[in-house]
C-alpha atoms as a PDB file:
ATOM      1  CA  MET A   1      11.738   3.729   0.192  1.00  0.00           C
ATOM      2  CA  SER A   2      11.376   7.209   1.553  1.00  0.00           C
ATOM      3  CA  LYS A   3       8.396   8.344   3.528  1.00  0.00           C
ATOM      4  CA  MET A   4       5.609  10.137   1.721  1.00  0.00           C
ATOM      5  CA  THR A   5       5.690  13.869   2.403  1.00  0.00           C
ATOM      6  CA  ASN A   6       2.473  15.651   1.633  1.00  0.00           C
ATOM      7  CA  ASN A   7       1.701  18.917   3.387  1.00  0.00           C
ATOM      8  CA  ASN A   8      -1.985  18.818   2.468  1.00  0.00           C
ATOM      9  CA  ILE A   9      -4.386  17.550   5.104  1.00  0.00           C
ATOM     10  CA  THR A  10      -7.703  16.172   3.921  1.00  0.00           C
ATOM     11  CA  GLU A  11     -10.458  15.345   6.392  1.00  0.00           C
ATOM     12  CA  PHE A  12     -13.774  13.571   6.030  1.00  0.00           C
ATOM     13  CA  TYR A  13     -16.784  14.277   8.209  1.00  0.00           C
ATOM     14  CA  GLY A  14     -19.795  12.098   7.625  1.00  0.00           C
ATOM     15  CA  LYS A  15     -21.213   8.619   7.921  1.00  0.00           C
ATOM     16  CA  ILE A  16     -18.908   5.649   7.469  1.00  0.00           C
ATOM     17  CA  ASN A  17     -21.114   4.426   4.613  1.00  0.00           C
ATOM     18  CA  ASN A  18     -20.148   7.545   2.639  1.00  0.00           C
ATOM     19  CA  SER A  19     -16.406   7.205   3.250  1.00  0.00           C
ATOM     20  CA  ARG A  20     -15.779   5.058   0.152  1.00  0.00           C
ATOM     21  CA  GLU A  21     -16.527   7.991  -2.122  1.00  0.00           C
ATOM     22  CA  PHE A  22     -14.116  10.146  -0.111  1.00  0.00           C
ATOM     23  CA  ASP A  23     -11.396   7.467  -0.310  1.00  0.00           C
ATOM     24  CA  TYR A  24     -11.886   7.098  -4.052  1.00  0.00           C
ATOM     25  CA  LYS A  25     -11.630  10.844  -4.669  1.00  0.00           C
ATOM     26  CA  PHE A  26      -8.633  11.188  -2.349  1.00  0.00           C
ATOM     27  CA  TRP A  27      -6.573   8.437  -3.994  1.00  0.00           C
ATOM     28  CA  GLN A  28      -7.513   9.599  -7.500  1.00  0.00           C
ATOM     29  CA  GLN A  29      -5.959  12.984  -6.668  1.00  0.00           C
ATOM     30  CA  GLN A  30      -2.655  11.436  -5.538  1.00  0.00           C
ATOM     31  CA  PRO A  31       0.262  10.987  -7.926  1.00  0.00           C
ATOM     32  CA  PRO A  32       1.243   7.357  -8.623  1.00  0.00           C
ATOM     33  CA  ILE A  33       4.416   7.586  -6.514  1.00  0.00           C
ATOM     34  CA  HIS A  34       2.345   8.405  -3.408  1.00  0.00           C
ATOM     35  CA  ILE A  35       0.009   5.487  -4.071  1.00  0.00           C
ATOM     36  CA  PHE A  36       2.924   3.046  -4.425  1.00  0.00           C
ATOM     37  CA  GLN A  37       4.636   4.456  -1.315  1.00  0.00           C
ATOM     38  CA  ALA A  38       1.435   4.026   0.702  1.00  0.00           C
ATOM     39  CA  ALA A  39       1.093   0.433  -0.524  1.00  0.00           C
ATOM     40  CA  TYR A  40       4.742  -0.267   0.367  1.00  0.00           C
ATOM     41  CA  GLU A  41       4.221   1.173   3.866  1.00  0.00           C
ATOM     42  CA  MET A  42       1.173  -1.087   4.344  1.00  0.00           C
ATOM     43  CA  ILE A  43       3.274  -4.115   3.331  1.00  0.00           C
ATOM     44  CA  CYS A  44       5.983  -3.125   5.829  1.00  0.00           C
ATOM     45  CA  ASP A  45       3.381  -2.641   8.583  1.00  0.00           C
ATOM     46  CA  TYR A  46       1.903  -6.071   7.831  1.00  0.00           C
ATOM     47  CA  LEU A  47       5.330  -7.735   7.932  1.00  0.00           C
ATOM     48  CA  LEU A  48       6.171  -5.991  11.193  1.00  0.00           C
ATOM     49  CA  LEU A  49       2.957  -7.252  12.798  1.00  0.00           C
ATOM     50  CA  LYS A  50       3.189 -10.766  11.354  1.00  0.00           C
ATOM     51  CA  GLU A  51       6.923 -11.505  11.481  1.00  0.00           C
ATOM     52  CA  ASN A  52       8.390  -8.728  13.664  1.00  0.00           C
ATOM     53  CA  ASN A  53      10.820  -8.082  10.816  1.00  0.00           C
ATOM     54  CA  VAL A  54      10.729  -5.500   8.049  1.00  0.00           C
ATOM     55  CA  ASN A  55      14.289  -5.696   6.725  1.00  0.00           C
ATOM     56  CA  GLU A  56      13.470  -6.596   3.140  1.00  0.00           C
ATOM     57  CA  PRO A  57      10.039  -7.670   1.873  1.00  0.00           C
ATOM     58  CA  ARG A  58      10.302 -10.820  -0.209  1.00  0.00           C
ATOM     59  CA  LEU A  59       8.275 -11.541  -3.286  1.00  0.00           C
ATOM     60  CA  GLN A  60       6.209 -14.676  -3.136  1.00  0.00           C
ATOM     61  CA  ARG A  61       6.918 -16.752  -6.219  1.00  0.00           C
ATOM     62  CA  SER A  62       5.845 -20.050  -7.661  1.00  0.00           C
ATOM     63  CA  VAL A  63       8.503 -22.077  -9.434  1.00  0.00           C
ATOM     64  CA  GLU A  64       7.659 -24.610 -12.096  1.00  0.00           C
ATOM     65  CA  SER A  65       9.895 -26.799 -14.155  1.00  0.00           C
ATOM     66  CA  PHE A  66       9.310 -27.277 -17.861  1.00  0.00           C
ATOM     67  CA  GLN A  67      10.925 -30.197 -19.657  1.00  0.00           C
ATOM     68  CA  LYS A  68      10.658 -31.802 -23.061  1.00  0.00           C
ATOM     69  CA  ILE A  69       8.512 -34.909 -23.196  1.00  0.00           C
END
């Protein structure tokens, strides 16, 4: 996935307790593709820290077998 390119810089000055409102407004203004790219980058960062490998994130799946009784 390509990196998110956004030339707008948004800053927040205030108490940490008030930052949730800022975060909510910021992400509501972003198009869906930027939200998904940010989530993908967080997954890659997590995998890099946990496994030292970011080649291809794998989906975690549960497999069940259904048979006739």
